[in-house]
N, C-alpha and C. Protein backbone atom coordinates (compact mmCIF):
# COMPACT_ATOMS: atom_id res chain seq x y z
N MET A 1 45.16 71.02 85.49
CA MET A 1 45.80 71.61 84.34
C MET A 1 47.19 72.12 84.74
N GLN A 2 48.20 71.82 83.94
CA GLN A 2 49.57 72.23 84.22
C GLN A 2 49.76 73.70 83.90
N GLN A 3 50.46 74.42 84.79
CA GLN A 3 50.76 75.82 84.58
C GLN A 3 51.75 75.97 83.42
N PRO A 4 51.61 77.06 82.64
CA PRO A 4 52.59 77.28 81.56
C PRO A 4 53.95 77.62 82.16
N PRO A 5 55.01 77.33 81.43
CA PRO A 5 56.34 77.74 81.91
C PRO A 5 56.38 79.26 82.09
N THR A 6 57.06 79.70 83.13
CA THR A 6 57.20 81.13 83.36
C THR A 6 58.56 81.60 82.89
N ILE A 7 58.60 82.83 82.41
CA ILE A 7 59.81 83.37 81.80
C ILE A 7 60.16 84.71 82.42
N ALA A 8 61.44 84.89 82.68
CA ALA A 8 62.00 86.20 83.01
C ALA A 8 62.68 86.70 81.74
N ILE A 9 62.44 87.96 81.39
CA ILE A 9 63.06 88.55 80.22
C ILE A 9 64.00 89.66 80.69
N ALA A 10 65.23 89.63 80.20
CA ALA A 10 66.18 90.70 80.48
C ALA A 10 66.67 91.26 79.15
N ASP A 11 66.24 92.47 78.84
CA ASP A 11 66.63 93.14 77.60
C ASP A 11 66.51 94.64 77.82
N ASP A 12 67.52 95.39 77.43
CA ASP A 12 67.53 96.82 77.68
C ASP A 12 66.71 97.63 76.67
N TYR A 13 66.31 97.04 75.57
CA TYR A 13 65.53 97.76 74.58
C TYR A 13 64.04 97.52 74.86
N GLU A 14 63.41 98.49 75.52
CA GLU A 14 62.05 98.32 76.02
C GLU A 14 61.02 97.94 74.95
N PRO A 15 61.03 98.56 73.75
CA PRO A 15 60.04 98.14 72.75
C PRO A 15 60.17 96.65 72.38
N LEU A 16 61.39 96.16 72.28
CA LEU A 16 61.58 94.74 71.97
C LEU A 16 61.13 93.87 73.13
N CYS A 17 61.43 94.30 74.34
CA CYS A 17 61.01 93.56 75.53
C CYS A 17 59.48 93.44 75.57
N ARG A 18 58.79 94.53 75.29
CA ARG A 18 57.31 94.50 75.27
C ARG A 18 56.81 93.55 74.18
N GLU A 19 57.44 93.61 72.99
CA GLU A 19 57.02 92.74 71.89
C GLU A 19 57.28 91.27 72.21
N LEU A 20 58.44 90.98 72.81
CA LEU A 20 58.74 89.61 73.22
C LEU A 20 57.72 89.12 74.24
N SER A 21 57.38 89.96 75.19
CA SER A 21 56.39 89.59 76.21
C SER A 21 55.04 89.27 75.56
N ARG A 22 54.61 90.14 74.65
CA ARG A 22 53.34 89.92 73.95
C ARG A 22 53.37 88.61 73.17
N MET A 23 54.47 88.41 72.41
CA MET A 23 54.60 87.21 71.60
C MET A 23 54.61 85.95 72.47
N LEU A 24 55.37 85.97 73.54
CA LEU A 24 55.49 84.78 74.39
C LEU A 24 54.18 84.47 75.11
N ARG A 25 53.46 85.50 75.53
CA ARG A 25 52.14 85.26 76.14
C ARG A 25 51.20 84.62 75.12
N ALA A 26 51.24 85.10 73.88
CA ALA A 26 50.40 84.54 72.82
C ALA A 26 50.77 83.08 72.54
N LEU A 27 52.03 82.72 72.79
CA LEU A 27 52.48 81.34 72.60
C LEU A 27 52.19 80.46 73.81
N GLY A 28 51.64 81.05 74.88
CA GLY A 28 51.24 80.26 76.04
C GLY A 28 52.18 80.31 77.23
N PHE A 29 53.18 81.17 77.19
CA PHE A 29 54.11 81.29 78.31
C PHE A 29 53.63 82.38 79.27
N GLY A 30 54.00 82.26 80.53
CA GLY A 30 53.73 83.31 81.51
C GLY A 30 54.98 84.15 81.69
N ILE A 31 54.82 85.46 81.74
CA ILE A 31 55.95 86.36 81.95
C ILE A 31 55.89 86.84 83.40
N CYS A 32 56.94 86.55 84.16
CA CYS A 32 56.92 86.92 85.58
C CYS A 32 57.89 88.04 85.92
N ILE A 33 58.90 88.26 85.09
CA ILE A 33 59.87 89.32 85.34
C ILE A 33 60.25 89.95 84.00
N GLN A 34 60.32 91.28 84.00
CA GLN A 34 60.88 92.02 82.87
C GLN A 34 61.94 92.94 83.44
N ALA A 35 63.18 92.75 83.01
CA ALA A 35 64.30 93.52 83.53
C ALA A 35 65.01 94.23 82.39
N THR A 36 65.66 95.36 82.72
CA THR A 36 66.34 96.15 81.70
C THR A 36 67.83 95.86 81.60
N HIS A 37 68.36 95.11 82.56
CA HIS A 37 69.76 94.68 82.53
C HIS A 37 69.94 93.56 83.55
N GLY A 38 71.12 92.97 83.54
CA GLY A 38 71.36 91.82 84.40
C GLY A 38 71.23 92.09 85.88
N GLN A 39 71.73 93.23 86.33
CA GLN A 39 71.63 93.55 87.75
C GLN A 39 70.16 93.70 88.16
N ASP A 40 69.36 94.34 87.30
CA ASP A 40 67.92 94.47 87.54
C ASP A 40 67.28 93.08 87.64
N LEU A 41 67.64 92.19 86.74
CA LEU A 41 67.11 90.82 86.77
C LEU A 41 67.45 90.13 88.09
N LEU A 42 68.71 90.18 88.48
CA LEU A 42 69.13 89.51 89.72
C LEU A 42 68.45 90.11 90.94
N MET A 43 68.25 91.42 90.96
CA MET A 43 67.53 92.06 92.08
C MET A 43 66.08 91.58 92.13
N GLN A 44 65.43 91.50 90.97
CA GLN A 44 64.04 91.04 90.95
C GLN A 44 63.94 89.57 91.34
N LEU A 45 64.88 88.75 90.91
CA LEU A 45 64.87 87.34 91.30
C LEU A 45 65.05 87.21 92.81
N GLY A 46 65.96 88.00 93.38
CA GLY A 46 66.21 87.95 94.81
C GLY A 46 65.03 88.41 95.64
N ALA A 47 64.23 89.30 95.09
CA ALA A 47 63.07 89.84 95.81
C ALA A 47 61.78 89.10 95.50
N ALA A 48 61.83 88.13 94.61
CA ALA A 48 60.61 87.43 94.17
C ALA A 48 59.97 86.67 95.32
N ALA A 49 58.69 86.95 95.55
CA ALA A 49 57.94 86.26 96.60
C ALA A 49 57.35 84.96 96.06
N SER A 50 57.19 84.89 94.76
CA SER A 50 56.60 83.70 94.13
C SER A 50 57.71 82.78 93.64
N PRO A 51 57.34 81.62 93.13
CA PRO A 51 58.36 80.70 92.62
C PRO A 51 59.21 81.35 91.52
N LEU A 52 60.42 80.85 91.40
CA LEU A 52 61.33 81.34 90.37
C LEU A 52 60.81 81.00 88.98
N PRO A 53 61.19 81.80 87.98
CA PRO A 53 60.79 81.45 86.61
C PRO A 53 61.45 80.15 86.18
N THR A 54 60.82 79.48 85.26
CA THR A 54 61.36 78.26 84.68
C THR A 54 62.51 78.59 83.74
N LEU A 55 62.34 79.69 83.00
CA LEU A 55 63.25 80.07 81.93
C LEU A 55 63.63 81.53 82.03
N CYS A 56 64.76 81.85 81.43
CA CYS A 56 65.18 83.25 81.32
C CYS A 56 65.59 83.51 79.88
N LEU A 57 64.99 84.52 79.28
CA LEU A 57 65.36 84.98 77.95
C LEU A 57 66.29 86.16 78.17
N LEU A 58 67.57 85.99 77.82
CA LEU A 58 68.62 86.90 78.23
C LEU A 58 69.34 87.54 77.05
N ASP A 59 69.24 88.86 76.96
CA ASP A 59 69.98 89.61 75.93
C ASP A 59 71.46 89.59 76.30
N ILE A 60 72.33 89.52 75.30
CA ILE A 60 73.76 89.52 75.56
C ILE A 60 74.27 90.93 75.83
N ASN A 61 73.86 91.89 75.02
CA ASN A 61 74.40 93.25 75.12
C ASN A 61 73.44 94.16 75.87
N MET A 62 73.77 94.41 77.14
CA MET A 62 72.97 95.29 78.00
C MET A 62 73.91 96.17 78.82
N PRO A 63 73.43 97.35 79.23
CA PRO A 63 74.25 98.18 80.12
C PRO A 63 74.24 97.63 81.55
N VAL A 64 75.03 98.19 82.40
CA VAL A 64 75.13 97.88 83.83
C VAL A 64 75.71 96.49 84.05
N MET A 65 75.00 95.45 83.62
CA MET A 65 75.51 94.08 83.70
C MET A 65 75.07 93.36 82.43
N ASP A 66 76.04 92.98 81.60
CA ASP A 66 75.72 92.34 80.32
C ASP A 66 75.27 90.89 80.50
N GLY A 67 74.92 90.28 79.40
CA GLY A 67 74.43 88.90 79.43
C GLY A 67 75.46 87.88 79.86
N TYR A 68 76.72 88.12 79.54
CA TYR A 68 77.78 87.17 79.92
C TYR A 68 77.89 87.08 81.44
N GLU A 69 78.01 88.25 82.08
CA GLU A 69 78.13 88.27 83.54
C GLU A 69 76.84 87.77 84.19
N THR A 70 75.71 88.16 83.63
CA THR A 70 74.43 87.72 84.17
C THR A 70 74.29 86.20 84.08
N ALA A 71 74.68 85.62 82.95
CA ALA A 71 74.60 84.16 82.79
C ALA A 71 75.46 83.45 83.83
N ARG A 72 76.65 83.98 84.10
CA ARG A 72 77.51 83.38 85.13
C ARG A 72 76.84 83.43 86.51
N HIS A 73 76.22 84.56 86.83
CA HIS A 73 75.53 84.68 88.13
C HIS A 73 74.32 83.75 88.19
N LEU A 74 73.56 83.67 87.12
CA LEU A 74 72.39 82.78 87.10
C LEU A 74 72.81 81.33 87.30
N LYS A 75 73.88 80.94 86.63
CA LYS A 75 74.37 79.57 86.74
C LYS A 75 74.76 79.24 88.18
N GLU A 76 75.37 80.22 88.85
CA GLU A 76 75.82 80.01 90.23
C GLU A 76 74.67 80.11 91.24
N LEU A 77 73.83 81.13 91.11
CA LEU A 77 72.80 81.40 92.10
C LEU A 77 71.47 80.69 91.85
N TYR A 78 71.13 80.50 90.59
CA TYR A 78 69.82 79.92 90.22
C TYR A 78 70.01 78.86 89.13
N PRO A 79 70.73 77.79 89.42
CA PRO A 79 71.02 76.80 88.38
C PRO A 79 69.78 76.11 87.81
N GLU A 80 68.66 76.19 88.51
CA GLU A 80 67.44 75.55 88.03
C GLU A 80 66.76 76.36 86.91
N ILE A 81 67.13 77.61 86.74
CA ILE A 81 66.56 78.43 85.67
C ILE A 81 67.32 78.16 84.37
N LYS A 82 66.62 77.75 83.35
CA LYS A 82 67.23 77.51 82.04
C LYS A 82 67.34 78.84 81.28
N VAL A 83 68.51 79.11 80.74
CA VAL A 83 68.78 80.40 80.11
C VAL A 83 68.88 80.25 78.59
N LEU A 84 68.03 81.01 77.90
CA LEU A 84 68.10 81.13 76.45
C LEU A 84 68.64 82.51 76.13
N ALA A 85 69.90 82.58 75.71
CA ALA A 85 70.52 83.85 75.36
C ALA A 85 70.05 84.27 73.97
N MET A 86 70.04 85.59 73.75
CA MET A 86 69.58 86.09 72.45
C MET A 86 70.37 87.34 72.07
N SER A 87 70.50 87.53 70.76
CA SER A 87 71.20 88.69 70.23
C SER A 87 70.91 88.80 68.74
N PHE A 88 71.13 90.00 68.20
CA PHE A 88 71.12 90.17 66.75
C PHE A 88 72.49 89.83 66.18
N ASP A 89 73.51 89.81 67.04
CA ASP A 89 74.89 89.55 66.64
C ASP A 89 75.03 88.11 66.18
N LYS A 90 75.53 87.94 64.99
CA LYS A 90 75.64 86.60 64.42
C LYS A 90 77.08 86.07 64.43
N GLU A 91 77.94 86.67 65.24
CA GLU A 91 79.33 86.24 65.34
C GLU A 91 79.44 84.94 66.13
N PRO A 92 79.98 83.88 65.54
CA PRO A 92 80.06 82.58 66.24
C PRO A 92 80.82 82.66 67.57
N GLN A 93 81.84 83.51 67.66
CA GLN A 93 82.60 83.58 68.91
C GLN A 93 81.76 84.19 70.03
N GLU A 94 80.83 85.09 69.71
CA GLU A 94 79.96 85.67 70.73
C GLU A 94 78.96 84.63 71.23
N ILE A 95 78.47 83.82 70.31
CA ILE A 95 77.54 82.74 70.69
C ILE A 95 78.25 81.74 71.59
N GLU A 96 79.44 81.34 71.21
CA GLU A 96 80.20 80.39 72.03
C GLU A 96 80.53 80.98 73.40
N LYS A 97 80.85 82.27 73.43
CA LYS A 97 81.18 82.94 74.69
C LYS A 97 80.00 82.93 75.66
N ILE A 98 78.78 83.19 75.17
CA ILE A 98 77.62 83.20 76.06
C ILE A 98 77.28 81.78 76.52
N LEU A 99 77.48 80.80 75.66
CA LEU A 99 77.22 79.42 76.06
C LEU A 99 78.23 78.98 77.13
N GLN A 100 79.47 79.39 76.99
CA GLN A 100 80.49 79.07 77.99
C GLN A 100 80.22 79.79 79.30
N ALA A 101 79.57 80.96 79.25
CA ALA A 101 79.25 81.72 80.46
C ALA A 101 78.13 81.08 81.26
N GLY A 102 77.36 80.18 80.62
CA GLY A 102 76.31 79.49 81.36
C GLY A 102 74.95 79.42 80.70
N ALA A 103 74.78 80.08 79.56
CA ALA A 103 73.50 79.96 78.85
C ALA A 103 73.34 78.52 78.35
N HIS A 104 72.12 78.05 78.34
CA HIS A 104 71.84 76.68 77.90
C HIS A 104 71.65 76.59 76.40
N ALA A 105 71.24 77.70 75.79
CA ALA A 105 71.00 77.71 74.34
C ALA A 105 71.03 79.17 73.88
N PHE A 106 71.03 79.34 72.57
CA PHE A 106 71.09 80.66 71.96
C PHE A 106 70.09 80.74 70.82
N ILE A 107 69.52 81.95 70.64
CA ILE A 107 68.63 82.20 69.52
C ILE A 107 68.86 83.62 69.02
N PHE A 108 68.72 83.82 67.72
CA PHE A 108 68.82 85.16 67.17
C PHE A 108 67.52 85.91 67.44
N LYS A 109 67.63 87.18 67.78
CA LYS A 109 66.44 87.97 68.11
C LYS A 109 65.47 88.07 66.94
N ASP A 110 65.96 87.96 65.72
CA ASP A 110 65.07 88.07 64.57
C ASP A 110 64.50 86.72 64.12
N SER A 111 64.60 85.71 64.97
CA SER A 111 64.01 84.40 64.67
C SER A 111 62.49 84.49 64.73
N PRO A 112 61.79 83.64 63.99
CA PRO A 112 60.32 83.67 64.03
C PRO A 112 59.79 83.16 65.37
N PRO A 113 58.57 83.55 65.73
CA PRO A 113 57.98 83.14 67.00
C PRO A 113 58.04 81.63 67.25
N ASP A 114 57.79 80.83 66.22
CA ASP A 114 57.81 79.38 66.40
C ASP A 114 59.19 78.88 66.82
N ALA A 115 60.25 79.55 66.37
CA ALA A 115 61.60 79.15 66.76
C ALA A 115 61.82 79.44 68.24
N PHE A 116 61.31 80.58 68.72
CA PHE A 116 61.39 80.89 70.15
C PHE A 116 60.65 79.83 70.97
N LYS A 117 59.44 79.51 70.51
CA LYS A 117 58.63 78.52 71.23
C LYS A 117 59.34 77.17 71.28
N GLU A 118 59.88 76.75 70.15
CA GLU A 118 60.57 75.46 70.07
C GLU A 118 61.78 75.42 71.02
N LYS A 119 62.59 76.48 71.01
CA LYS A 119 63.77 76.53 71.87
C LYS A 119 63.37 76.52 73.34
N LEU A 120 62.39 77.36 73.70
CA LEU A 120 61.99 77.47 75.10
C LEU A 120 61.37 76.17 75.60
N LEU A 121 60.50 75.57 74.82
CA LEU A 121 59.90 74.30 75.22
C LEU A 121 60.95 73.20 75.28
N GLY A 122 61.91 73.23 74.37
CA GLY A 122 63.01 72.27 74.40
C GLY A 122 63.80 72.37 75.70
N LEU A 123 64.03 73.60 76.15
CA LEU A 123 64.74 73.79 77.42
C LEU A 123 63.91 73.26 78.59
N CYS A 124 62.61 73.46 78.54
CA CYS A 124 61.72 72.95 79.61
C CYS A 124 61.77 71.43 79.66
N ASP A 125 61.85 70.81 78.48
CA ASP A 125 61.84 69.36 78.40
C ASP A 125 63.22 68.74 78.57
N GLY A 126 64.23 69.60 78.76
CA GLY A 126 65.58 69.09 78.93
C GLY A 126 66.31 68.85 77.63
N ASP A 127 65.71 69.23 76.51
CA ASP A 127 66.37 69.10 75.22
C ASP A 127 67.20 70.35 74.98
N VAL A 128 68.41 70.34 75.49
CA VAL A 128 69.25 71.52 75.41
C VAL A 128 70.00 71.54 74.08
N THR A 129 69.45 72.28 73.14
CA THR A 129 70.10 72.46 71.86
C THR A 129 70.83 73.79 71.91
N ARG A 130 72.13 73.75 71.85
CA ARG A 130 72.95 74.91 72.16
C ARG A 130 73.19 75.85 70.99
N SER A 131 72.84 75.48 69.81
CA SER A 131 73.12 76.34 68.66
C SER A 131 71.98 77.29 68.40
N ALA A 132 72.16 78.15 67.40
CA ALA A 132 71.15 79.15 67.04
C ALA A 132 70.04 78.52 66.23
């Protein structure tokens, strides 16, 4: 039996992070890292004794290290991790900025669970759809 894709979540709003984790587990994904900002994510990835996550669900607006800087570091240090950026911000220039920083795709945080599943599985399968 094939293992489910594993996900690292980086989001500074803890209630949303918990809800995303619950939702993604219910959709069949494994959650291996939960971080409150980009620097926390990179520290946990660097210290990980187990295999790296397949995917990263990355909030754009976080303290300490935002999603833009984090995406650039992930692209450089962990290019095998597919990054799905997320935000409530619906400004096209912000979406384009995170994609240029290294995210593979973008989704709005208020998207339904099936949209998250579709985007994440698409990234696993190499179907990189870059829009929201």
